Every structure is written in C-alpha cells, then in structure tokens.
Amino acid sequence: MKHLLLSMCAVTALIANEEAESVSEIFTKSRISGELRAITQTNSKLNYINGANGSSRTNVLGGKVELATRTYKGFEAVVTAYGTAKAGSGRNETDGDYLNNGKENSNYALLGQAFLRYSNKDSFIQAGRFELDTPLMNSDDIRIVPNLFQGVYGVLSPIENITLQAGYISRMAGWENGGDNSKFQNIGALIDGMSVLDTYLVGKSSVSFAGISYGNEETPFALRIFDYMTKNVMNQVYADMAVNAGFINLQGQYLRSIGDDKLKDYLNTNAIADTMIDSTVWGASATVALEEANLGFSVAYNESKKKTNTLNGGGTADFFGGANDPFFTSMDVLTAHELGGVKAYKGEITFDPSDTLAVALAHAVFKKDDGFKNRETDLSVAYSVRENIILEGMVSKVIETDDLGNETTNNRTRLAVRVEF
C-alpha cells in the first residue's frame, strides 16, 4: 500500500549527519547500521487463474547492512549491502516477492547503495547507487530488498516549503526491476526483457526527471508536479495535491503517459496495434482522522480512460510494478496500474490505540465495462515490541477474474519481523 505525498522530513533526514572535525574522523567515526527482516508468506492459489502452481509457502531471511561516513565539508559516502535467502521448508516459492525472479527464484545479494553525497543545509546532490522516493521512480520498500537505482539525484530547497528535485537514472536493481533482481541492468534492457512493446526494441535507455513540491503532510496545502522522460519509450507527467482542513484530508492525483516519438514512428510504420503508450489516470481520496478515538476513515477512487489500439487498452505501461505505481487505490496485491478503462474504489479503517500498535482494514474493487471485477481485502496489524523491533502481520483475500469472467480466489497470509540495529 502506498503513501502518496512525500514528507519533506523524509528527504531532509537523508542529509542529517554529524560533521567530522578532521579527515581521519570521516572514517574513525563512521556509522554502521542496518535491518534484519524475517518473513513467512503463504498463498492458497499462487497462479490465480488456472491454479497450476497450487498453494505456496515462502520463508525468507534478509535485510541490509550500511556503512556511512561522517560528513566532512559537506561530503559523505554511503555503502549498503542487501540480501535475501530461503529459510526453513518452503513450497512453490515462486510468488516473486522475495527471491530472484530473473534467476529461478534463487537467493541473492548485492551492493545496492554506493554513493557520494554533497549536502548544503536542506539541499544535496548524490551520485552512484541509491534508494529513491519519488512518485514514479520509487524503492517501494515493502518486502525484503527494495528497488534500487543507479544515477544522479539532487534536491534543492531554495525557500521554505519549496523543494526542487531532479535526477537521471540509467540502471535499476531490486525486487521489481523485471529482470535479474541482483543486478543493476540498463532501463532499456529491462523494458525489452518484459516484451510488452511487441517487436520494438528500446535499446540503451534512461529516465530523466524533474519535480517541484510545495508543502508537506503538515502544511494546510501541498502540491507536487513531476515530469519523467524515459528515452525512446515515453513521457509521463504526474501531479498530486492535498488539502488539510482540520481532521479532514482531501487529495487528488493525475498521471498522463504518452509514447515517445521514436516509439510512435516505429509502431505506425510497422502497423503494430495495441502497443502504443497512451494513458490517462486520475484519482481522489478523503481521510477523516478522529484523534481522540484513535480512528481513521478513508475512501479513494482511481479511474483510467479506456482507449482502443493502445497498450493495456489505455492502462499504464507494464514497467517496474510498484516502482511506477502511485495510485490511491493500490492494495498489497491488486492495483489500477496496467489496467485501461478501469474504475477502482477503496475504503480503509485504521485504529491506533497506542504508539506501539496499529491496525488497518482495507477493501478495494477494480471494475471494467466488460465484466472484469477484481477485489481484495487486507487486514494488517503492526506492533512495536521495542523501538527497534517491529512485528507485522497481514491476511488478504484476493478475488480475480479472467477475460471470460472465470473467478478464482487466493488467500494470502504474511508474518514479518523487522529488527533495526
């Protein structure tokens, strides 16, 4: 499940680091930290439509270890290793959430972050490999190994409540890259490997993006506008806004995706149908917080226009899963991402009786005019045993339909332990 409006506190926290007083202290006072994650997840019917794979159980151990130098004259370096491995007795461990999809769901490890950053007050620029939190290039860190990116990324805060972001991404690794999760592969090679653009070969590609943000989750009004250009593939414009009026929060979002001229020319010249990228998605949400009762209620809606002779019938492009999915109605499994002509509805109730316990119940329905109807219900619980130890549990029921209206149900459970050190 996604949280849409990026807290600037999360961005500025990246650059909060004690200053070294000498060159030697850069390394002698370096910080080692990390997180251990243990997860067991079951599915009652992994291959939802025909049940060919039957039920599954995946048990994994993984996490990360990070070394960060002290900041010296604005400069610091960060190196982070990630890994995930099977643990105990599993069965049909092919659900793709935790192991290497590109290498027969095997264990894997990688040097996921290795970057140099220069910071000046609330602004910074960094280059190398890193995690990233923007609407359409996102680490989506909800499993074991997050999505990881290689390139250059910068944040500039010229005045209060205004934040400018820009980046250039050439490679991607991690659980949703669509290829070998353990390797930083070129963006174009990953898209070609997905084979969603018919015979069109992207070749070497990259993503360049820029965005401007006003406000954050604390201000009465917040706005973000981003432009993403995937070379030889598509251009995407994303915007969202939020209004905080006391205990009511209202949000809206808009995403426009259009094929690059090179892609358009190729598809038109070769008379290839149903592959043109042409998508428009919008959404709205409302949240009511009753602080004295520790309750929250929210409803959300997303709609994508149906367009003939386009990729996914007017849906967003099938690239990088949750890394390219900012939608309000996204659930743990199902989403409006990649669905053209869909109307999605979501309701959620949250209950936070203490600082250590949080409970959420969410239900979403995804409908299309042709009778397509997918549904998902998620019940999740999170409990902080200590400040650095979190237990999480989720039970989900996912009901999907195929093109003929045949229905199948998958019951999913997940237990997770996260220990920070």
Protein backbone atom coordinates (compact mmCIF):
# COMPACT_ATOMS: atom_id res chain seq x y z
CA MET A 1 0.00 0.00 0.00
CA LYS A 2 1.26 3.44 -0.91
CA HIS A 3 1.60 6.72 0.90
CA LEU A 4 1.31 9.40 -1.72
CA LEU A 5 2.54 12.78 -0.55
CA LEU A 6 6.23 12.64 0.25
CA SER A 7 7.14 14.09 3.61
CA MET A 8 9.97 16.53 3.23
CA CYS A 9 11.08 15.34 6.65
CA ALA A 10 11.98 12.04 4.94
CA VAL A 11 14.06 13.88 2.36
CA THR A 12 15.87 16.15 4.77
CA ALA A 13 16.53 13.23 7.11
CA LEU A 14 18.79 11.82 4.42
CA ILE A 15 21.19 14.68 4.91
CA ALA A 16 21.20 14.87 8.71
CA ASN A 17 24.66 13.74 9.80
CA GLU A 18 27.24 14.88 12.34
CA GLU A 19 30.18 16.81 10.92
CA ALA A 20 33.67 15.32 11.19
CA GLU A 21 36.26 17.67 12.66
CA SER A 22 39.18 16.16 10.72
CA VAL A 23 39.84 13.92 7.72
CA SER A 24 40.61 10.98 9.99
CA GLU A 25 37.19 11.26 11.70
CA ILE A 26 35.47 10.69 8.35
CA PHE A 27 36.28 7.01 8.79
CA THR A 28 37.03 6.56 12.51
CA LYS A 29 33.56 7.87 13.39
CA SER A 30 31.73 6.14 10.54
CA ARG A 31 28.35 4.63 11.43
CA ILE A 32 27.30 1.03 10.85
CA SER A 33 23.57 0.33 10.90
CA GLY A 34 21.08 -1.98 9.26
CA GLU A 35 17.95 -4.04 9.48
CA LEU A 36 17.22 -7.75 9.70
CA ARG A 37 13.95 -8.96 8.19
CA ALA A 38 12.33 -12.40 8.54
CA ILE A 39 9.15 -13.16 6.61
CA THR A 40 6.89 -16.11 6.01
CA GLN A 41 4.19 -15.76 3.35
CA THR A 42 1.59 -18.24 2.11
CA ASN A 43 -0.75 -18.26 -0.88
CA SER A 44 -3.67 -20.68 -1.24
CA LYS A 45 -3.57 -20.45 -5.05
CA LEU A 46 -0.44 -18.87 -6.44
CA ASN A 47 -1.34 -18.99 -10.13
CA TYR A 48 -4.64 -17.20 -9.64
CA ILE A 49 -6.41 -18.12 -12.89
CA ASN A 50 -5.64 -21.80 -13.51
CA GLY A 51 -4.13 -22.87 -10.20
CA ALA A 52 -1.28 -24.69 -11.97
CA ASN A 53 1.18 -23.97 -9.18
CA GLY A 54 -1.25 -24.71 -6.37
CA SER A 55 -0.52 -23.30 -2.93
CA SER A 56 2.81 -21.85 -1.82
CA ARG A 57 4.80 -21.01 1.27
CA THR A 58 7.88 -18.78 1.20
CA ASN A 59 10.17 -18.39 4.21
CA VAL A 60 12.98 -15.88 3.86
CA LEU A 61 15.65 -14.11 5.89
CA GLY A 62 17.29 -10.94 4.66
CA GLY A 63 17.89 -7.28 5.17
CA LYS A 64 20.69 -4.79 4.84
CA VAL A 65 23.93 -3.57 6.42
CA GLU A 66 25.00 0.03 5.87
CA LEU A 67 28.24 1.94 6.38
CA ALA A 68 28.02 5.75 6.33
CA THR A 69 30.99 8.02 6.80
CA ARG A 70 30.83 11.23 8.81
CA THR A 71 30.15 14.36 6.79
CA TYR A 72 33.27 16.41 6.07
CA LYS A 73 32.91 19.84 4.46
CA GLY A 74 29.54 18.73 3.14
CA PHE A 75 30.67 15.39 1.68
CA GLU A 76 29.78 11.89 2.85
CA ALA A 77 29.75 8.38 1.39
CA VAL A 78 27.23 5.58 1.97
CA VAL A 79 27.62 1.88 1.15
CA THR A 80 24.80 -0.61 1.74
CA ALA A 81 24.65 -4.36 1.10
CA TYR A 82 21.30 -6.14 0.73
CA GLY A 83 20.39 -9.80 0.63
CA THR A 84 17.57 -12.33 0.83
CA ALA A 85 17.68 -16.11 1.26
CA LYS A 86 15.32 -19.04 1.73
CA ALA A 87 14.93 -20.27 5.29
CA GLY A 88 13.27 -23.44 6.52
CA SER A 89 10.93 -25.55 4.44
CA GLY A 90 9.12 -23.69 1.68
CA ARG A 91 6.82 -24.84 -1.11
CA ASN A 92 6.45 -23.48 -4.66
CA GLU A 93 8.45 -20.37 -3.75
CA THR A 94 7.57 -18.58 -6.99
CA ASP A 95 5.36 -15.65 -5.96
CA GLY A 96 8.10 -13.21 -6.96
CA ASP A 97 8.02 -11.03 -3.87
CA TYR A 98 11.22 -12.07 -2.12
CA LEU A 99 13.55 -14.17 -4.26
CA ASN A 100 15.27 -13.50 -7.60
CA ASN A 101 12.58 -13.56 -10.32
CA GLY A 102 15.21 -13.47 -13.06
CA LYS A 103 17.16 -16.46 -11.73
CA GLU A 104 14.58 -19.15 -10.94
CA ASN A 105 13.60 -17.57 -7.61
CA SER A 106 17.03 -18.07 -6.10
CA ASN A 107 18.75 -16.39 -3.15
CA TYR A 108 20.64 -13.21 -3.96
CA ALA A 109 22.74 -10.42 -2.53
CA LEU A 110 24.02 -7.17 -3.99
CA LEU A 111 25.79 -3.92 -3.23
CA GLY A 112 22.62 -1.87 -3.53
CA GLN A 113 23.83 1.52 -2.36
CA ALA A 114 27.23 3.06 -3.07
CA PHE A 115 27.01 6.80 -3.45
CA LEU A 116 28.81 10.04 -2.70
CA ARG A 117 26.67 12.94 -1.50
CA TYR A 118 27.33 16.65 -1.06
CA SER A 119 24.95 18.49 1.28
CA ASN A 120 24.39 22.15 1.99
CA LYS A 121 21.71 22.86 4.60
CA ASP A 122 18.46 21.34 3.23
CA SER A 123 19.84 20.65 -0.26
CA PHE A 124 22.02 17.85 -1.61
CA ILE A 125 23.25 16.07 -4.72
CA GLN A 126 24.36 12.46 -4.87
CA ALA A 127 25.74 10.09 -7.49
CA GLY A 128 26.07 6.31 -7.60
CA ARG A 129 23.61 3.63 -6.46
CA PHE A 130 20.84 4.53 -4.04
CA GLU A 131 17.26 4.12 -2.82
CA LEU A 132 14.84 6.67 -4.20
CA ASP A 133 11.45 8.06 -3.16
CA THR A 134 9.64 9.90 -5.96
CA PRO A 135 6.15 9.20 -7.37
CA LEU A 136 7.19 7.17 -10.45
CA MET A 137 10.71 6.03 -9.60
CA ASN A 138 10.26 4.55 -6.16
CA SER A 139 12.06 2.00 -3.98
CA ASP A 140 8.68 0.55 -2.86
CA ASP A 141 10.35 -0.96 0.22
CA ILE A 142 7.57 -3.31 1.36
CA ARG A 143 9.27 -6.71 1.02
CA ILE A 144 12.94 -7.66 1.68
CA VAL A 145 15.13 -5.95 -0.95
CA PRO A 146 13.78 -2.59 -2.19
CA ASN A 147 14.02 -1.23 -5.71
CA LEU A 148 17.45 0.34 -6.20
CA PHE A 149 18.66 2.84 -8.79
CA GLN A 150 21.90 3.99 -10.37
CA GLY A 151 22.41 7.55 -11.50
CA VAL A 152 22.41 11.10 -10.15
CA TYR A 153 19.80 12.68 -7.86
CA GLY A 154 19.54 16.13 -6.34
CA VAL A 155 17.24 18.08 -4.02
CA LEU A 156 17.23 21.87 -3.72
CA SER A 157 15.21 23.81 -1.13
CA PRO A 158 15.68 27.48 -2.09
CA ILE A 159 12.94 28.80 0.20
CA GLU A 160 10.71 27.44 2.94
CA ASN A 161 8.16 24.83 1.78
CA ILE A 162 9.51 24.79 -1.80
CA THR A 163 11.52 21.75 -2.89
CA LEU A 164 13.01 21.09 -6.32
CA GLN A 165 14.08 17.57 -7.30
CA ALA A 166 15.83 16.25 -10.40
CA GLY A 167 17.51 13.02 -11.37
CA TYR A 168 18.95 10.84 -14.10
CA ILE A 169 18.53 7.05 -13.74
CA SER A 170 20.35 4.65 -16.07
CA ARG A 171 20.03 1.30 -14.25
CA MET A 172 17.76 -0.47 -11.78
CA ALA A 173 18.00 -3.50 -9.48
CA GLY A 174 15.77 -4.92 -6.75
CA TRP A 175 12.54 -6.85 -6.44
CA GLU A 176 10.54 -5.09 -9.18
CA ASN A 177 13.12 -4.45 -11.90
CA GLY A 178 11.58 -7.13 -14.13
CA GLY A 179 14.88 -8.91 -14.80
CA ASP A 180 17.71 -10.27 -12.69
CA ASN A 181 16.90 -8.63 -9.35
CA SER A 182 20.52 -8.93 -8.17
CA LYS A 183 22.00 -6.85 -11.00
CA PHE A 184 21.81 -3.20 -11.96
CA GLN A 185 20.54 -3.56 -15.52
CA ASN A 186 20.03 -0.84 -18.09
CA ILE A 187 16.49 0.59 -18.13
CA GLY A 188 16.09 -0.20 -21.84
CA ALA A 189 17.29 -3.79 -21.46
CA LEU A 190 14.78 -4.35 -18.66
CA ILE A 191 11.89 -2.98 -20.75
CA ASP A 192 12.96 -5.10 -23.74
CA GLY A 193 13.08 -8.15 -21.47
CA MET A 194 9.46 -7.60 -20.49
CA SER A 195 8.43 -7.96 -24.17
CA VAL A 196 5.41 -5.69 -23.78
CA LEU A 197 6.23 -3.44 -26.76
CA ASP A 198 5.93 -6.20 -29.38
CA THR A 199 8.95 -6.19 -31.74
CA TYR A 200 10.07 -2.69 -30.78
CA LEU A 201 13.50 -2.78 -29.13
CA VAL A 202 14.26 0.11 -26.80
CA GLY A 203 17.99 -0.49 -26.64
CA LYS A 204 20.02 1.63 -24.26
CA SER A 205 17.70 3.92 -22.33
CA SER A 206 17.44 6.02 -19.18
CA VAL A 207 14.94 8.03 -17.17
CA SER A 208 15.38 11.76 -16.61
CA PHE A 209 13.00 13.51 -14.25
CA ALA A 210 12.37 16.82 -12.54
CA GLY A 211 9.80 17.90 -9.99
CA ILE A 212 8.67 20.74 -7.80
CA SER A 213 6.89 20.38 -4.46
CA TYR A 214 5.17 22.84 -2.19
CA GLY A 215 4.38 21.99 1.42
CA ASN A 216 4.25 18.57 3.04
CA GLU A 217 1.98 16.42 5.21
CA GLU A 218 1.99 19.06 7.95
CA THR A 219 1.02 22.15 5.89
CA PRO A 220 -2.61 23.11 5.07
CA PHE A 221 -1.93 22.70 1.35
CA ALA A 222 0.59 20.58 -0.57
CA LEU A 223 1.29 20.19 -4.28
CA ARG A 224 3.72 18.13 -6.39
CA ILE A 225 4.34 18.16 -10.13
CA PHE A 226 6.84 15.79 -11.79
CA ASP A 227 7.89 15.13 -15.37
CA TYR A 228 9.58 11.81 -16.29
CA MET A 229 11.18 11.13 -19.68
CA THR A 230 12.07 7.51 -20.48
CA LYS A 231 14.35 7.76 -23.51
CA ASN A 232 12.91 6.14 -26.67
CA VAL A 233 9.86 4.95 -24.74
CA MET A 234 7.55 7.53 -23.15
CA ASN A 235 6.99 10.79 -21.34
CA GLN A 236 4.96 10.94 -18.10
CA VAL A 237 3.55 13.92 -16.22
CA TYR A 238 2.40 13.30 -12.67
CA ALA A 239 0.71 15.72 -10.25
CA ASP A 240 -0.93 15.39 -6.86
CA MET A 241 -2.27 17.81 -4.29
CA ALA A 242 -3.60 17.70 -0.73
CA VAL A 243 -5.71 19.98 1.43
CA ASN A 244 -5.57 19.55 5.20
CA ALA A 245 -8.65 21.06 6.82
CA GLY A 246 -8.53 20.13 10.48
CA PHE A 247 -9.41 16.46 10.84
CA ILE A 248 -10.18 16.08 7.10
CA ASN A 249 -7.55 15.50 4.42
CA LEU A 250 -8.52 15.71 0.73
CA GLN A 251 -6.18 14.60 -2.07
CA GLY A 252 -6.22 14.42 -5.84
CA GLN A 253 -3.84 12.94 -8.40
CA TYR A 254 -3.31 12.88 -12.18
CA LEU A 255 -0.99 10.83 -14.40
CA ARG A 256 -0.57 11.25 -18.17
CA SER A 257 1.65 8.80 -20.09
CA ILE A 258 2.35 9.19 -23.82
CA GLY A 259 4.66 7.28 -26.15
CA ASP A 260 7.96 8.75 -27.29
CA ASP A 261 8.11 9.93 -30.94
CA LYS A 262 10.54 7.13 -31.84
CA LEU A 263 8.13 4.52 -30.46
CA LYS A 264 5.18 6.14 -32.26
CA ASP A 265 7.00 6.18 -35.60
CA TYR A 266 8.03 2.53 -35.29
CA LEU A 267 4.55 1.31 -34.39
CA ASN A 268 2.89 3.34 -37.15
CA THR A 269 5.43 2.28 -39.79
CA ASN A 270 5.07 -1.40 -38.90
CA ALA A 271 1.29 -1.23 -38.34
CA ILE A 272 1.57 -2.71 -34.84
CA ALA A 273 -1.66 -2.35 -32.87
CA ASP A 274 -2.37 -2.44 -29.13
CA THR A 275 1.15 -1.33 -28.19
CA MET A 276 1.02 2.47 -28.30
CA ILE A 277 1.52 4.04 -24.87
CA ASP A 278 -1.38 6.45 -24.30
CA SER A 279 -2.79 6.55 -20.77
CA THR A 280 -4.64 8.99 -18.52
CA VAL A 281 -5.35 8.15 -14.89
CA TRP A 282 -6.82 10.36 -12.20
CA GLY A 283 -7.80 9.82 -8.60
CA ALA A 284 -9.22 11.36 -5.45
CA SER A 285 -9.24 10.46 -1.77
CA ALA A 286 -10.66 11.73 1.51
CA THR A 287 -9.46 10.87 5.01
CA VAL A 288 -11.10 11.67 8.33
CA ALA A 289 -8.98 11.38 11.48
CA LEU A 290 -10.68 11.10 14.88
CA GLU A 291 -7.66 11.55 17.13
CA GLU A 292 -9.45 11.15 20.46
CA ALA A 293 -10.85 7.79 19.33
CA ASN A 294 -7.57 6.82 17.59
CA LEU A 295 -9.61 6.07 14.46
CA GLY A 296 -9.16 6.98 10.82
CA PHE A 297 -11.53 6.51 7.87
CA SER A 298 -10.61 6.95 4.21
CA VAL A 299 -12.13 6.42 0.80
CA ALA A 300 -10.30 6.57 -2.53
CA TYR A 301 -11.08 6.38 -6.23
CA ASN A 302 -8.98 5.92 -9.38
CA GLU A 303 -10.10 5.84 -12.99
CA SER A 304 -8.20 5.25 -16.21
CA LYS A 305 -9.71 6.07 -19.57
CA LYS A 306 -10.36 3.22 -21.99
CA LYS A 307 -8.52 3.71 -25.30
CA THR A 308 -8.56 1.27 -28.22
CA ASN A 309 -5.41 0.23 -30.11
CA THR A 310 -3.21 1.19 -27.16
CA LEU A 311 -1.11 -0.70 -24.63
CA ASN A 312 -3.34 -2.28 -21.97
CA GLY A 313 -6.38 -0.60 -23.53
CA GLY A 314 -5.34 2.78 -22.18
CA GLY A 315 -3.73 1.49 -18.99
CA THR A 316 -0.32 2.49 -17.73
CA ALA A 317 2.73 0.71 -19.15
CA ASP A 318 3.74 -2.63 -17.62
CA PHE A 319 7.06 -1.40 -16.26
CA PHE A 320 8.56 -1.91 -12.80
CA GLY A 321 5.42 -2.65 -10.78
CA GLY A 322 5.10 -0.64 -7.58
CA ALA A 323 8.13 1.47 -8.52
CA ASN A 324 5.87 3.11 -11.12
CA ASP A 325 2.58 2.94 -9.20
CA PRO A 326 1.48 5.94 -7.08
CA PHE A 327 -2.26 5.25 -7.07
CA PHE A 328 -4.52 5.87 -4.05
CA THR A 329 -6.38 2.58 -4.51
CA SER A 330 -3.31 0.31 -4.63
CA MET A 331 -3.52 -2.66 -2.28
CA ASP A 332 -0.94 -5.22 -1.18
CA VAL A 333 -1.50 -7.24 -4.38
CA LEU A 334 -4.02 -5.57 -6.69
CA THR A 335 -3.74 -2.14 -8.30
CA ALA A 336 -5.15 0.02 -11.09
CA HIS A 337 -1.65 0.05 -12.60
CA GLU A 338 -1.63 -1.52 -16.11
CA LEU A 339 -5.45 -1.54 -16.36
CA GLY A 340 -7.20 0.51 -19.05
CA GLY A 341 -10.85 1.50 -18.70
CA VAL A 342 -10.89 0.58 -15.01
CA LYS A 343 -12.70 2.19 -12.11
CA ALA A 344 -11.19 1.44 -8.72
CA TYR A 345 -12.78 2.01 -5.30
CA LYS A 346 -11.09 1.63 -1.94
CA GLY A 347 -12.17 2.07 1.68
CA GLU A 348 -9.98 1.78 4.75
CA ILE A 349 -10.39 1.95 8.53
CA THR A 350 -7.37 2.43 10.80
CA PHE A 351 -7.16 2.03 14.58
CA ASP A 352 -4.06 3.13 16.51
CA PRO A 353 -4.83 2.60 20.21
CA SER A 354 -1.24 3.29 21.27
CA ASP A 355 2.16 4.36 19.97
CA THR A 356 3.11 0.70 19.63
CA LEU A 357 0.04 -0.83 17.96
CA ALA A 358 -1.61 -0.08 14.60
CA VAL A 359 -4.47 -1.96 12.91
CA ALA A 360 -5.87 -1.38 9.41
CA LEU A 361 -8.69 -2.96 7.42
CA ALA A 362 -8.90 -2.11 3.71
CA HIS A 363 -11.12 -3.28 0.84
CA ALA A 364 -10.81 -2.38 -2.85
CA VAL A 365 -12.78 -3.21 -6.00
CA PHE A 366 -11.48 -2.85 -9.57
CA LYS A 367 -14.18 -2.84 -12.30
CA LYS A 368 -14.23 -2.66 -16.11
CA ASP A 369 -17.16 -2.41 -18.51
CA ASP A 370 -16.51 -5.87 -19.95
CA GLY A 371 -17.42 -7.59 -16.67
CA PHE A 372 -13.88 -7.65 -15.29
CA LYS A 373 -14.02 -7.33 -11.50
CA ASN A 374 -11.12 -7.84 -9.12
CA ARG A 375 -11.43 -7.50 -5.35
CA GLU A 376 -9.03 -7.51 -2.42
CA THR A 377 -9.46 -7.28 1.34
CA ASP A 378 -6.44 -6.71 3.60
CA LEU A 379 -6.29 -6.85 7.40
CA SER A 380 -2.94 -5.73 8.77
CA VAL A 381 -1.50 -5.38 12.28
CA ALA A 382 1.81 -3.81 13.32
CA TYR A 383 3.22 -3.95 16.85
CA SER A 384 6.43 -2.40 18.15
CA VAL A 385 7.94 -4.73 20.72
CA ARG A 386 10.74 -2.23 21.24
CA GLU A 387 11.80 0.90 19.48
CA ASN A 388 13.90 -1.20 17.06
CA ILE A 389 11.77 -4.37 16.82
CA ILE A 390 8.52 -4.43 14.83
CA LEU A 391 6.16 -7.35 14.27
CA GLU A 392 3.83 -7.18 11.27
CA GLY A 393 1.02 -9.45 10.17
CA MET A 394 -1.36 -9.37 7.22
CA VAL A 395 -4.24 -11.53 5.99
CA SER A 396 -5.52 -10.92 2.46
CA LYS A 397 -8.26 -12.31 0.26
CA VAL A 398 -7.74 -11.65 -3.45
CA ILE A 399 -10.52 -12.49 -5.93
CA GLU A 400 -9.63 -12.13 -9.63
CA THR A 401 -11.48 -12.70 -12.91
CA ASP A 402 -10.10 -13.60 -16.30
CA ASP A 403 -11.28 -12.34 -19.72
CA LEU A 404 -14.08 -14.95 -19.77
CA GLY A 405 -15.40 -14.00 -16.34
CA ASN A 406 -13.98 -17.06 -14.57
CA GLU A 407 -13.29 -16.27 -10.93
CA THR A 408 -10.57 -17.55 -8.63
CA THR A 409 -9.62 -16.76 -5.03
CA ASN A 410 -6.22 -16.54 -3.38
CA ASN A 411 -5.95 -16.33 0.40
CA ARG A 412 -2.62 -14.81 1.44
CA THR A 413 -1.03 -14.56 4.87
CA ARG A 414 2.20 -12.84 5.85
CA LEU A 415 4.12 -12.62 9.12
CA ALA A 416 7.18 -10.40 9.34
CA VAL A 417 9.75 -9.36 11.91
CA ARG A 418 11.94 -6.30 11.44
CA VAL A 419 14.91 -5.64 13.73
CA GLU A 420 16.90 -2.44 13.30
CA PHE A 421 20.44 -2.14 14.58
